[in-house]
Amino acid sequence: MRVVDRLSVADLHRVIQVLMGWNDEHLHRFRIHGRSYGIPAIGGLNFGEDAEAVPLARFRFRPTERYLYEYDFRAGWQIDIRVETILATVPRQAHPVCLAGRETSPPDA
C-alpha cells in the first residue's frame, strides 16, 4: 500500500483494517525498531506513547526496511510490512493504495 509519512501509527492501523476488511474487533500492535505501538484498549497492552501522536515520518524508514503488524493475538495474525520505496513528492492520489498482496485476509471473527 502507498501511504504518506504524515499519517500516524494509529492512522496506519485504521488503513490496514479497511484494506483487510476487518472491523477493529481485536487487540493489535506494531513492532517498529524494537518498540511496540498501538491504540490502547481495556484489558489490552499498554504503550509508552499515544499512537495518534506518532507520525510515520519519525521512523525515517529506508527502502527494504520491515516492521510487523500483529492483530488478534489469539489467532496470531501477523502482517510483515516492507517499505518498497520512498517518494520525493506526494502523489496526487491522497488516499492509501494497496499495491500487492498474496492471499485474501482471514475474516475478522
PDB file of N, CA and C in Angstrom:
ATOM      1  N   MET A   1       0.838  -1.171   0.000  1.00  0.00           N
ATOM      2  CA  MET A   1       0.000   0.000   0.000  1.00  0.00           C
ATOM      3  C   MET A   1       0.880   1.230   0.000  1.00  0.00           C
ATOM      4  N   ARG A   2       0.387   2.278  -0.513  1.00  0.00           N
ATOM      5  CA  ARG A   2       1.117   3.537  -0.568  1.00  0.00           C
ATOM      6  C   ARG A   2       0.474   4.476   0.451  1.00  0.00           C
ATOM      7  N   VAL A   3       1.300   4.987   1.380  1.00  0.00           N
ATOM      8  CA  VAL A   3       0.796   5.927   2.384  1.00  0.00           C
ATOM      9  C   VAL A   3       1.778   7.089   2.497  1.00  0.00           C
ATOM     10  N   VAL A   4       1.298   8.195   2.996  1.00  0.00           N
ATOM     11  CA  VAL A   4       2.159   9.345   3.213  1.00  0.00           C
ATOM     12  C   VAL A   4       2.681   9.303   4.642  1.00  0.00           C
ATOM     13  N   ASP A   5       3.889   9.815   4.839  1.00  0.00           N
ATOM     14  CA  ASP A   5       4.522   9.691   6.151  1.00  0.00           C
ATOM     15  C   ASP A   5       3.951  10.634   7.206  1.00  0.00           C
ATOM     16  N   ARG A   6       3.025  11.476   6.838  1.00  0.00           N
ATOM     17  CA  ARG A   6       2.393  12.326   7.857  1.00  0.00           C
ATOM     18  C   ARG A   6       1.286  11.572   8.606  1.00  0.00           C
ATOM     19  N   LEU A   7       0.909  10.405   8.090  1.00  0.00           N
ATOM     20  CA  LEU A   7      -0.052   9.574   8.826  1.00  0.00           C
ATOM     21  C   LEU A   7       0.574   9.138  10.144  1.00  0.00           C
ATOM     22  N   SER A   8      -0.272   8.972  11.148  1.00  0.00           N
ATOM     23  CA  SER A   8       0.206   8.479  12.436  1.00  0.00           C
ATOM     24  C   SER A   8       0.177   6.950  12.440  1.00  0.00           C
ATOM     25  N   VAL A   9       0.795   6.360  13.431  1.00  0.00           N
ATOM     26  CA  VAL A   9       0.743   4.907  13.601  1.00  0.00           C
ATOM     27  C   VAL A   9      -0.717   4.473  13.743  1.00  0.00           C
ATOM     28  N   ALA A  10      -1.517   5.238  14.470  1.00  0.00           N
ATOM     29  CA  ALA A  10      -2.946   4.920  14.631  1.00  0.00           C
ATOM     30  C   ALA A  10      -3.670   4.998  13.291  1.00  0.00           C
ATOM     31  N   ASP A  11      -3.321   5.974  12.463  1.00  0.00           N
ATOM     32  CA  ASP A  11      -3.924   6.079  11.128  1.00  0.00           C
ATOM     33  C   ASP A  11      -3.587   4.839  10.296  1.00  0.00           C
ATOM     34  N   LEU A  12      -2.336   4.392  10.366  1.00  0.00           N
ATOM     35  CA  LEU A  12      -1.926   3.216   9.603  1.00  0.00           C
ATOM     36  C   LEU A  12      -2.705   1.981  10.056  1.00  0.00           C
ATOM     37  N   HIS A  13      -2.948   1.861  11.348  1.00  0.00           N
ATOM     38  CA  HIS A  13      -3.780   0.758  11.858  1.00  0.00           C
ATOM     39  C   HIS A  13      -5.163   0.789  11.199  1.00  0.00           C
ATOM     40  N   ARG A  14      -5.760   1.968  11.135  1.00  0.00           N
ATOM     41  CA  ARG A  14      -7.097   2.085  10.539  1.00  0.00           C
ATOM     42  C   ARG A  14      -7.070   1.765   9.044  1.00  0.00           C
ATOM     43  N   VAL A  15      -6.007   2.170   8.349  1.00  0.00           N
ATOM     44  CA  VAL A  15      -5.865   1.860   6.921  1.00  0.00           C
ATOM     45  C   VAL A  15      -5.807   0.348   6.723  1.00  0.00           C
ATOM     46  N   ILE A  16      -5.010  -0.327   7.517  1.00  0.00           N
ATOM     47  CA  ILE A  16      -4.888  -1.782   7.398  1.00  0.00           C
ATOM     48  C   ILE A  16      -6.225  -2.449   7.676  1.00  0.00           C
ATOM     49  N   GLN A  17      -6.953  -1.965   8.664  1.00  0.00           N
ATOM     50  CA  GLN A  17      -8.265  -2.528   8.979  1.00  0.00           C
ATOM     51  C   GLN A  17      -9.191  -2.457   7.763  1.00  0.00           C
ATOM     52  N   VAL A  18      -9.204  -1.316   7.089  1.00  0.00           N
ATOM     53  CA  VAL A  18     -10.058  -1.151   5.906  1.00  0.00           C
ATOM     54  C   VAL A  18      -9.595  -2.060   4.774  1.00  0.00           C
ATOM     55  N   LEU A  19      -8.289  -2.072   4.497  1.00  0.00           N
ATOM     56  CA  LEU A  19      -7.768  -2.885   3.401  1.00  0.00           C
ATOM     57  C   LEU A  19      -8.025  -4.373   3.610  1.00  0.00           C
ATOM     58  N   MET A  20      -7.956  -4.826   4.856  1.00  0.00           N
ATOM     59  CA  MET A  20      -8.155  -6.242   5.146  1.00  0.00           C
ATOM     60  C   MET A  20      -9.636  -6.599   5.301  1.00  0.00           C
ATOM     61  N   GLY A  21     -10.500  -5.594   5.376  1.00  0.00           N
ATOM     62  CA  GLY A  21     -11.925  -5.851   5.558  1.00  0.00           C
ATOM     63  C   GLY A  21     -12.273  -6.219   6.993  1.00  0.00           C
ATOM     64  N   TRP A  22     -11.458  -5.755   7.935  1.00  0.00           N
ATOM     65  CA  TRP A  22     -11.674  -6.073   9.346  1.00  0.00           C
ATOM     66  C   TRP A  22     -12.444  -4.953  10.037  1.00  0.00           C
ATOM     67  N   ASN A  23     -12.961  -5.249  11.226  1.00  0.00           N
ATOM     68  CA  ASN A  23     -13.805  -4.313  11.970  1.00  0.00           C
ATOM     69  C   ASN A  23     -13.174  -3.806  13.256  1.00  0.00           C
ATOM     70  N   ASP A  24     -11.867  -3.956  13.423  1.00  0.00           N
ATOM     71  CA  ASP A  24     -11.157  -3.486  14.618  1.00  0.00           C
ATOM     72  C   ASP A  24     -11.727  -4.114  15.889  1.00  0.00           C
ATOM     73  N   GLU A  25     -11.978  -5.421  15.841  1.00  0.00           N
ATOM     74  CA  GLU A  25     -12.581  -6.128  16.971  1.00  0.00           C
ATOM     75  C   GLU A  25     -11.555  -6.793  17.884  1.00  0.00           C
ATOM     76  N   HIS A  26     -10.276  -6.725  17.541  1.00  0.00           N
ATOM     77  CA  HIS A  26      -9.249  -7.424  18.312  1.00  0.00           C
ATOM     78  C   HIS A  26      -8.107  -6.483  18.670  1.00  0.00           C
ATOM     79  N   LEU A  27      -7.324  -6.905  19.648  1.00  0.00           N
ATOM     80  CA  LEU A  27      -6.146  -6.141  20.027  1.00  0.00           C
ATOM     81  C   LEU A  27      -5.114  -6.203  18.910  1.00  0.00           C
ATOM     82  N   HIS A  28      -4.260  -5.209  18.879  1.00  0.00           N
ATOM     83  CA  HIS A  28      -3.232  -5.138  17.839  1.00  0.00           C
ATOM     84  C   HIS A  28      -2.009  -4.425  18.373  1.00  0.00           C
ATOM     85  N   ARG A  29      -0.933  -4.504  17.602  1.00  0.00           N
ATOM     86  CA  ARG A  29       0.256  -3.693  17.866  1.00  0.00           C
ATOM     87  C   ARG A  29       1.159  -3.716  16.644  1.00  0.00           C
ATOM     88  N   PHE A  30       1.961  -2.670  16.542  1.00  0.00           N
ATOM     89  CA  PHE A  30       3.043  -2.600  15.568  1.00  0.00           C
ATOM     90  C   PHE A  30       4.343  -2.828  16.339  1.00  0.00           C
ATOM     91  N   ARG A  31       5.284  -3.530  15.749  1.00  0.00           N
ATOM     92  CA  ARG A  31       6.641  -3.665  16.298  1.00  0.00           C
ATOM     93  C   ARG A  31       7.559  -2.960  15.308  1.00  0.00           C
ATOM     94  N   ILE A  32       8.002  -1.748  15.707  1.00  0.00           N
ATOM     95  CA  ILE A  32       8.836  -0.915  14.836  1.00  0.00           C
ATOM     96  C   ILE A  32      10.102  -0.535  15.594  1.00  0.00           C
ATOM     97  N   HIS A  33      11.239  -0.864  15.022  1.00  0.00           N
ATOM     98  CA  HIS A  33      12.542  -0.542  15.619  1.00  0.00           C
ATOM     99  C   HIS A  33      12.617  -1.005  17.077  1.00  0.00           C
ATOM    100  N   GLY A  34      12.088  -2.186  17.350  1.00  0.00           N
ATOM    101  CA  GLY A  34      12.195  -2.780  18.681  1.00  0.00           C
ATOM    102  C   GLY A  34      11.196  -2.295  19.712  1.00  0.00           C
ATOM    103  N   ARG A  35      10.273  -1.430  19.320  1.00  0.00           N
ATOM    104  CA  ARG A  35       9.266  -0.908  20.260  1.00  0.00           C
ATOM    105  C   ARG A  35       7.869  -1.254  19.781  1.00  0.00           C
ATOM    106  N   SER A  36       6.943  -1.327  20.726  1.00  0.00           N
ATOM    107  CA  SER A  36       5.544  -1.607  20.406  1.00  0.00           C
ATOM    108  C   SER A  36       4.754  -0.315  20.365  1.00  0.00           C
ATOM    109  N   TYR A  37       3.872  -0.211  19.373  1.00  0.00           N
ATOM    110  CA  TYR A  37       2.985   0.941  19.220  1.00  0.00           C
ATOM    111  C   TYR A  37       1.582   0.425  18.932  1.00  0.00           C
ATOM    112  N   GLY A  38       0.598   1.115  19.449  1.00  0.00           N
ATOM    113  CA  GLY A  38      -0.777   0.747  19.165  1.00  0.00           C
ATOM    114  C   GLY A  38      -1.747   1.659  19.889  1.00  0.00           C
ATOM    115  N   ILE A  39      -3.006   1.362  19.715  1.00  0.00           N
ATOM    116  CA  ILE A  39      -4.071   2.114  20.374  1.00  0.00           C
ATOM    117  C   ILE A  39      -4.486   1.295  21.590  1.00  0.00           C
ATOM    118  N   PRO A  40      -4.331   1.849  22.800  1.00  0.00           N
ATOM    119  CA  PRO A  40      -4.661   1.061  23.991  1.00  0.00           C
ATOM    120  C   PRO A  40      -6.153   0.712  24.066  1.00  0.00           C
ATOM    121  N   ALA A  41      -6.422  -0.445  24.660  1.00  0.00           N
ATOM    122  CA  ALA A  41      -7.802  -0.892  24.869  1.00  0.00           C
ATOM    123  C   ALA A  41      -7.887  -1.509  26.256  1.00  0.00           C
ATOM    124  N   ILE A  42      -9.048  -1.477  26.846  1.00  0.00           N
ATOM    125  CA  ILE A  42      -9.250  -2.073  28.163  1.00  0.00           C
ATOM    126  C   ILE A  42      -8.880  -3.549  28.095  1.00  0.00           C
ATOM    127  N   GLY A  43      -8.038  -3.978  29.003  1.00  0.00           N
ATOM    128  CA  GLY A  43      -7.589  -5.366  29.023  1.00  0.00           C
ATOM    129  C   GLY A  43      -6.506  -5.675  28.016  1.00  0.00           C
ATOM    130  N   GLY A  44      -6.020  -4.651  27.330  1.00  0.00           N
ATOM    131  CA  GLY A  44      -5.009  -4.853  26.293  1.00  0.00           C
ATOM    132  C   GLY A  44      -3.637  -4.403  26.742  1.00  0.00           C
ATOM    133  N   LEU A  45      -2.768  -4.221  25.790  1.00  0.00           N
ATOM    134  CA  LEU A  45      -1.399  -3.793  26.051  1.00  0.00           C
ATOM    135  C   LEU A  45      -1.343  -2.314  26.367  1.00  0.00           C
ATOM    136  N   ASN A  46      -0.334  -1.945  27.149  1.00  0.00           N
ATOM    137  CA  ASN A  46      -0.058  -0.528  27.397  1.00  0.00           C
ATOM    138  C   ASN A  46       1.110  -0.117  26.522  1.00  0.00           C
ATOM    139  N   PHE A  47       1.029   1.073  25.976  1.00  0.00           N
ATOM    140  CA  PHE A  47       2.073   1.576  25.099  1.00  0.00           C
ATOM    141  C   PHE A  47       2.650   2.844  25.696  1.00  0.00           C
ATOM    142  N   GLY A  48       3.932   3.083  25.460  1.00  0.00           N
ATOM    143  CA  GLY A  48       4.606   4.238  26.032  1.00  0.00           C
ATOM    144  C   GLY A  48       4.189   5.564  25.435  1.00  0.00           C
ATOM    145  N   GLU A  49       3.658   5.528  24.207  1.00  0.00           N
ATOM    146  CA  GLU A  49       3.273   6.766  23.529  1.00  0.00           C
ATOM    147  C   GLU A  49       1.892   6.613  22.912  1.00  0.00           C
ATOM    148  N   ASP A  50       1.235   7.734  22.723  1.00  0.00           N
ATOM    149  CA  ASP A  50      -0.059   7.762  22.057  1.00  0.00           C
ATOM    150  C   ASP A  50       0.167   7.577  20.559  1.00  0.00           C
ATOM    151  N   ALA A  51      -0.354   6.493  20.006  1.00  0.00           N
ATOM    152  CA  ALA A  51      -0.152   6.178  18.586  1.00  0.00           C
ATOM    153  C   ALA A  51      -0.719   7.265  17.675  1.00  0.00           C
ATOM    154  N   GLU A  52      -1.658   8.052  18.154  1.00  0.00           N
ATOM    155  CA  GLU A  52      -2.211   9.161  17.364  1.00  0.00           C
ATOM    156  C   GLU A  52      -1.177  10.264  17.175  1.00  0.00           C
ATOM    157  N   ALA A  53      -0.215  10.341  18.099  1.00  0.00           N
ATOM    158  CA  ALA A  53       0.773  11.416  18.076  1.00  0.00           C
ATOM    159  C   ALA A  53       2.118  10.989  17.486  1.00  0.00           C
ATOM    160  N   VAL A  54       2.207   9.760  16.981  1.00  0.00           N
ATOM    161  CA  VAL A  54       3.477   9.265  16.433  1.00  0.00           C
ATOM    162  C   VAL A  54       3.356   9.188  14.916  1.00  0.00           C
ATOM    163  N   PRO A  55       3.924  10.160  14.195  1.00  0.00           N
ATOM    164  CA  PRO A  55       3.851  10.115  12.720  1.00  0.00           C
ATOM    165  C   PRO A  55       4.825   9.076  12.163  1.00  0.00           C
ATOM    166  N   LEU A  56       4.466   8.504  11.042  1.00  0.00           N
ATOM    167  CA  LEU A  56       5.348   7.534  10.401  1.00  0.00           C
ATOM    168  C   LEU A  56       6.688   8.167  10.025  1.00  0.00           C
ATOM    169  N   ALA A  57       6.690   9.467   9.763  1.00  0.00           N
ATOM    170  CA  ALA A  57       7.927  10.171   9.391  1.00  0.00           C
ATOM    171  C   ALA A  57       8.996  10.040  10.472  1.00  0.00           C
ATOM    172  N   ARG A  58       8.594   9.876  11.707  1.00  0.00           N
ATOM    173  CA  ARG A  58       9.549   9.784  12.814  1.00  0.00           C
ATOM    174  C   ARG A  58      10.545   8.633  12.622  1.00  0.00           C
ATOM    175  N   PHE A  59      10.111   7.559  11.984  1.00  0.00           N
ATOM    176  CA  PHE A  59      10.940   6.363  11.882  1.00  0.00           C
ATOM    177  C   PHE A  59      11.992   6.435  10.790  1.00  0.00           C
ATOM    178  N   ARG A  60      11.861   7.403   9.885  1.00  0.00           N
ATOM    179  CA  ARG A  60      12.832   7.584   8.802  1.00  0.00           C
ATOM    180  C   ARG A  60      13.144   6.251   8.113  1.00  0.00           C
ATOM    181  N   PHE A  61      12.080   5.589   7.709  1.00  0.00           N
ATOM    182  CA  PHE A  61      12.218   4.292   7.059  1.00  0.00           C
ATOM    183  C   PHE A  61      13.087   4.390   5.806  1.00  0.00           C
ATOM    184  N   ARG A  62      13.787   3.301   5.530  1.00  0.00           N
ATOM    185  CA  ARG A  62      14.592   3.181   4.326  1.00  0.00           C
ATOM    186  C   ARG A  62      13.989   2.091   3.443  1.00  0.00           C
ATOM    187  N   PRO A  63      14.204   2.158   2.140  1.00  0.00           N
ATOM    188  CA  PRO A  63      13.717   1.084   1.266  1.00  0.00           C
ATOM    189  C   PRO A  63      14.234  -0.279   1.738  1.00  0.00           C
ATOM    190  N   THR A  64      13.372  -1.262   1.654  1.00  0.00           N
ATOM    191  CA  THR A  64      13.554  -2.663   2.070  1.00  0.00           C
ATOM    192  C   THR A  64      13.430  -2.866   3.581  1.00  0.00           C
ATOM    193  N   GLU A  65      13.297  -1.797   4.356  1.00  0.00           N
ATOM    194  CA  GLU A  65      13.123  -1.950   5.800  1.00  0.00           C
ATOM    195  C   GLU A  65      11.767  -2.591   6.078  1.00  0.00           C
ATOM    196  N   ARG A  66      11.705  -3.385   7.168  1.00  0.00           N
ATOM    197  CA  ARG A  66      10.490  -4.115   7.513  1.00  0.00           C
ATOM    198  C   ARG A  66      10.068  -3.807   8.947  1.00  0.00           C
ATOM    199  N   TYR A  67       8.772  -3.945   9.173  1.00  0.00           N
ATOM    200  CA  TYR A  67       8.250  -3.922  10.535  1.00  0.00           C
ATOM    201  C   TYR A  67       6.999  -4.778  10.572  1.00  0.00           C
ATOM    202  N   LEU A  68       6.517  -5.061  11.768  1.00  0.00           N
ATOM    203  CA  LEU A  68       5.465  -6.052  11.954  1.00  0.00           C
ATOM    204  C   LEU A  68       4.178  -5.419  12.482  1.00  0.00           C
ATOM    205  N   TYR A  69       3.060  -5.867  11.939  1.00  0.00           N
ATOM    206  CA  TYR A  69       1.735  -5.510  12.453  1.00  0.00           C
ATOM    207  C   TYR A  69       1.103  -6.810  12.922  1.00  0.00           C
ATOM    208  N   GLU A  70       0.715  -6.866  14.175  1.00  0.00           N
ATOM    209  CA  GLU A  70       0.051  -8.043  14.739  1.00  0.00           C
ATOM    210  C   GLU A  70      -1.386  -7.673  15.082  1.00  0.00           C
ATOM    211  N   TYR A  71      -2.293  -8.592  14.782  1.00  0.00           N
ATOM    212  CA  TYR A  71      -3.710  -8.351  15.021  1.00  0.00           C
ATOM    213  C   TYR A  71      -4.344  -9.659  15.469  1.00  0.00           C
ATOM    214  N   ASP A  72      -5.231  -9.581  16.441  1.00  0.00           N
ATOM    215  CA  ASP A  72      -5.898 -10.753  17.015  1.00  0.00           C
ATOM    216  C   ASP A  72      -4.842 -11.720  17.541  1.00  0.00           C
ATOM    217  N   PHE A  73      -4.319 -11.402  18.711  1.00  0.00           N
ATOM    218  CA  PHE A  73      -3.227 -12.175  19.292  1.00  0.00           C
ATOM    219  C   PHE A  73      -3.593 -13.648  19.486  1.00  0.00           C
ATOM    220  N   ARG A  74      -4.841 -13.928  19.750  1.00  0.00           N
ATOM    221  CA  ARG A  74      -5.269 -15.321  19.927  1.00  0.00           C
ATOM    222  C   ARG A  74      -5.100 -16.112  18.621  1.00  0.00           C
ATOM    223  N   ALA A  75      -5.458 -15.490  17.504  1.00  0.00           N
ATOM    224  CA  ALA A  75      -5.323 -16.147  16.199  1.00  0.00           C
ATOM    225  C   ALA A  75      -3.887 -16.044  15.667  1.00  0.00           C
ATOM    226  N   GLY A  76      -3.126 -15.082  16.175  1.00  0.00           N
ATOM    227  CA  GLY A  76      -1.732 -14.933  15.770  1.00  0.00           C
ATOM    228  C   GLY A  76      -1.527 -14.356  14.380  1.00  0.00           C
ATOM    229  N   TRP A  77      -2.421 -13.479  13.932  1.00  0.00           N
ATOM    230  CA  TRP A  77      -2.280 -12.881  12.603  1.00  0.00           C
ATOM    231  C   TRP A  77      -1.137 -11.884  12.619  1.00  0.00           C
ATOM    232  N   GLN A  78      -0.254 -12.005  11.653  1.00  0.00           N
ATOM    233  CA  GLN A  78       0.878 -11.098  11.530  1.00  0.00           C
ATOM    234  C   GLN A  78       1.005 -10.642  10.085  1.00  0.00           C
ATOM    235  N   ILE A  79       1.258  -9.360   9.930  1.00  0.00           N
ATOM    236  CA  ILE A  79       1.494  -8.797   8.601  1.00  0.00           C
ATOM    237  C   ILE A  79       2.895  -8.202   8.615  1.00  0.00           C
ATOM    238  N   ASP A  80       3.733  -8.719   7.750  1.00  0.00           N
ATOM    239  CA  ASP A  80       5.091  -8.219   7.587  1.00  0.00           C
ATOM    240  C   ASP A  80       5.015  -7.056   6.605  1.00  0.00           C
ATOM    241  N   ILE A  81       5.303  -5.860   7.080  1.00  0.00           N
ATOM    242  CA  ILE A  81       5.223  -4.668   6.240  1.00  0.00           C
ATOM    243  C   ILE A  81       6.628  -4.318   5.785  1.00  0.00           C
ATOM    244  N   ARG A  82       6.791  -4.176   4.473  1.00  0.00           N
ATOM    245  CA  ARG A  82       8.095  -3.840   3.898  1.00  0.00           C
ATOM    246  C   ARG A  82       7.997  -2.512   3.151  1.00  0.00           C
ATOM    247  N   VAL A  83       8.923  -1.641   3.433  1.00  0.00           N
ATOM    248  CA  VAL A  83       8.991  -0.367   2.730  1.00  0.00           C
ATOM    249  C   VAL A  83       9.615  -0.631   1.365  1.00  0.00           C
ATOM    250  N   GLU A  84       8.881  -0.337   0.329  1.00  0.00           N
ATOM    251  CA  GLU A  84       9.361  -0.581  -1.035  1.00  0.00           C
ATOM    252  C   GLU A  84      10.212   0.575  -1.546  1.00  0.00           C
ATOM    253  N   THR A  85       9.708   1.770  -1.369  1.00  0.00           N
ATOM    254  CA  THR A  85      10.416   2.939  -1.888  1.00  0.00           C
ATOM    255  C   THR A  85       9.968   4.169  -1.100  1.00  0.00           C
ATOM    256  N   ILE A  86      10.770   5.190  -1.147  1.00  0.00           N
ATOM    257  CA  ILE A  86      10.441   6.475  -0.536  1.00  0.00           C
ATOM    258  C   ILE A  86      10.301   7.465  -1.688  1.00  0.00           C
ATOM    259  N   LEU A  87       9.118   8.048  -1.816  1.00  0.00           N
ATOM    260  CA  LEU A  87       8.881   9.004  -2.895  1.00  0.00           C
ATOM    261  C   LEU A  87       9.279  10.406  -2.443  1.00  0.00           C
ATOM    262  N   ALA A  88       9.898  11.152  -3.335  1.00  0.00           N
ATOM    263  CA  ALA A  88      10.344  12.504  -3.013  1.00  0.00           C
ATOM    264  C   ALA A  88       9.175  13.473  -2.889  1.00  0.00           C
ATOM    265  N   THR A  89       8.130  13.232  -3.660  1.00  0.00           N
ATOM    266  CA  THR A  89       6.962  14.102  -3.612  1.00  0.00           C
ATOM    267  C   THR A  89       5.714  13.257  -3.358  1.00  0.00           C
ATOM    268  N   VAL A  90       4.730  13.897  -2.807  1.00  0.00           N
ATOM    269  CA  VAL A  90       3.467  13.218  -2.540  1.00  0.00           C
ATOM    270  C   VAL A  90       2.681  13.125  -3.843  1.00  0.00           C
ATOM    271  N   PRO A  91       2.272  11.909  -4.233  1.00  0.00           N
ATOM    272  CA  PRO A  91       1.493  11.785  -5.469  1.00  0.00           C
ATOM    273  C   PRO A  91       0.137  12.465  -5.326  1.00  0.00           C
ATOM    274  N   ARG A  92      -0.475  12.769  -6.446  1.00  0.00           N
ATOM    275  CA  ARG A  92      -1.774  13.446  -6.426  1.00  0.00           C
ATOM    276  C   ARG A  92      -2.827  12.602  -5.738  1.00  0.00           C
ATOM    277  N   GLN A  93      -2.681  11.311  -5.780  1.00  0.00           N
ATOM    278  CA  GLN A  93      -3.620  10.403  -5.130  1.00  0.00           C
ATOM    279  C   GLN A  93      -3.367  10.481  -3.626  1.00  0.00           C
ATOM    280  N   ALA A  94      -4.257  11.102  -2.885  1.00  0.00           N
ATOM    281  CA  ALA A  94      -4.027  11.377  -1.473  1.00  0.00           C
ATOM    282  C   ALA A  94      -4.396  10.224  -0.547  1.00  0.00           C
ATOM    283  N   HIS A  95      -5.166   9.274  -1.009  1.00  0.00           N
ATOM    284  CA  HIS A  95      -5.585   8.185  -0.132  1.00  0.00           C
ATOM    285  C   HIS A  95      -4.655   6.979  -0.257  1.00  0.00           C
ATOM    286  N   PRO A  96      -4.589   6.124   0.789  1.00  0.00           N
ATOM    287  CA  PRO A  96      -3.733   4.934   0.712  1.00  0.00           C
ATOM    288  C   PRO A  96      -4.165   4.009  -0.422  1.00  0.00           C
ATOM    289  N   VAL A  97      -3.185   3.318  -1.004  1.00  0.00           N
ATOM    290  CA  VAL A  97      -3.431   2.415  -2.120  1.00  0.00           C
ATOM    291  C   VAL A  97      -2.736   1.089  -1.824  1.00  0.00           C
ATOM    292  N   CYS A  98      -3.429  -0.020  -1.990  1.00  0.00           N
ATOM    293  CA  CYS A  98      -2.822  -1.341  -1.848  1.00  0.00           C
ATOM    294  C   CYS A  98      -2.145  -1.685  -3.161  1.00  0.00           C
ATOM    295  N   LEU A  99      -0.841  -1.975  -3.120  1.00  0.00           N
ATOM    296  CA  LEU A  99      -0.081  -2.236  -4.333  1.00  0.00           C
ATOM    297  C   LEU A  99       0.015  -3.722  -4.669  1.00  0.00           C
ATOM    298  N   ALA A 100      -0.032  -4.587  -3.663  1.00  0.00           N
ATOM    299  CA  ALA A 100       0.098  -6.021  -3.916  1.00  0.00           C
ATOM    300  C   ALA A 100      -0.321  -6.808  -2.686  1.00  0.00           C
ATOM    301  N   GLY A 101      -0.530  -8.076  -2.889  1.00  0.00           N
ATOM    302  CA  GLY A 101      -0.857  -8.990  -1.802  1.00  0.00           C
ATOM    303  C   GLY A 101      -0.875 -10.407  -2.335  1.00  0.00           C
ATOM    304  N   ARG A 102      -0.814 -11.379  -1.434  1.00  0.00           N
ATOM    305  CA  ARG A 102      -0.748 -12.772  -1.873  1.00  0.00           C
ATOM    306  C   ARG A 102      -2.046 -13.537  -1.677  1.00  0.00           C
ATOM    307  N   GLU A 103      -2.723 -13.342  -0.575  1.00  0.00           N
ATOM    308  CA  GLU A 103      -3.900 -14.120  -0.262  1.00  0.00           C
ATOM    309  C   GLU A 103      -4.989 -13.190   0.278  1.00  0.00           C
ATOM    310  N   THR A 104      -6.215 -13.704   0.327  1.00  0.00           N
ATOM    311  CA  THR A 104      -7.278 -12.930   0.948  1.00  0.00           C
ATOM    312  C   THR A 104      -7.075 -12.909   2.442  1.00  0.00           C
ATOM    313  N   SER A 105      -7.585 -11.899   3.091  1.00  0.00           N
ATOM    314  CA  SER A 105      -7.437 -11.801   4.531  1.00  0.00           C
ATOM    315  C   SER A 105      -8.406 -12.741   5.238  1.00  0.00           C
ATOM    316  N   PRO A 106      -8.022 -13.213   6.420  1.00  0.00           N
ATOM    317  CA  PRO A 106      -8.960 -14.032   7.191  1.00  0.00           C
ATOM    318  C   PRO A 106     -10.114 -13.168   7.681  1.00  0.00           C
ATOM    319  N   PRO A 107     -11.267 -13.752   7.948  1.00  0.00           N
ATOM    320  CA  PRO A 107     -12.389 -12.958   8.446  1.00  0.00           C
ATOM    321  C   PRO A 107     -12.109 -12.437   9.844  1.00  0.00           C
ATOM    322  N   ASP A 108     -12.642 -11.292  10.161  1.00  0.00           N
ATOM    323  CA  ASP A 108     -12.469 -10.671  11.474  1.00  0.00           C
ATOM    324  C   ASP A 108     -13.528 -11.202  12.425  1.00  0.00           C
ATOM    325  N   ALA A 109     -13.385 -12.446  12.834  1.00  0.00           N
ATOM    326  CA  ALA A 109     -14.386 -13.055  13.725  1.00  0.00           C
ATOM    327  C   ALA A 109     -13.721 -13.725  14.874  1.00  0.00           C
TER     328      ALA A 109
END
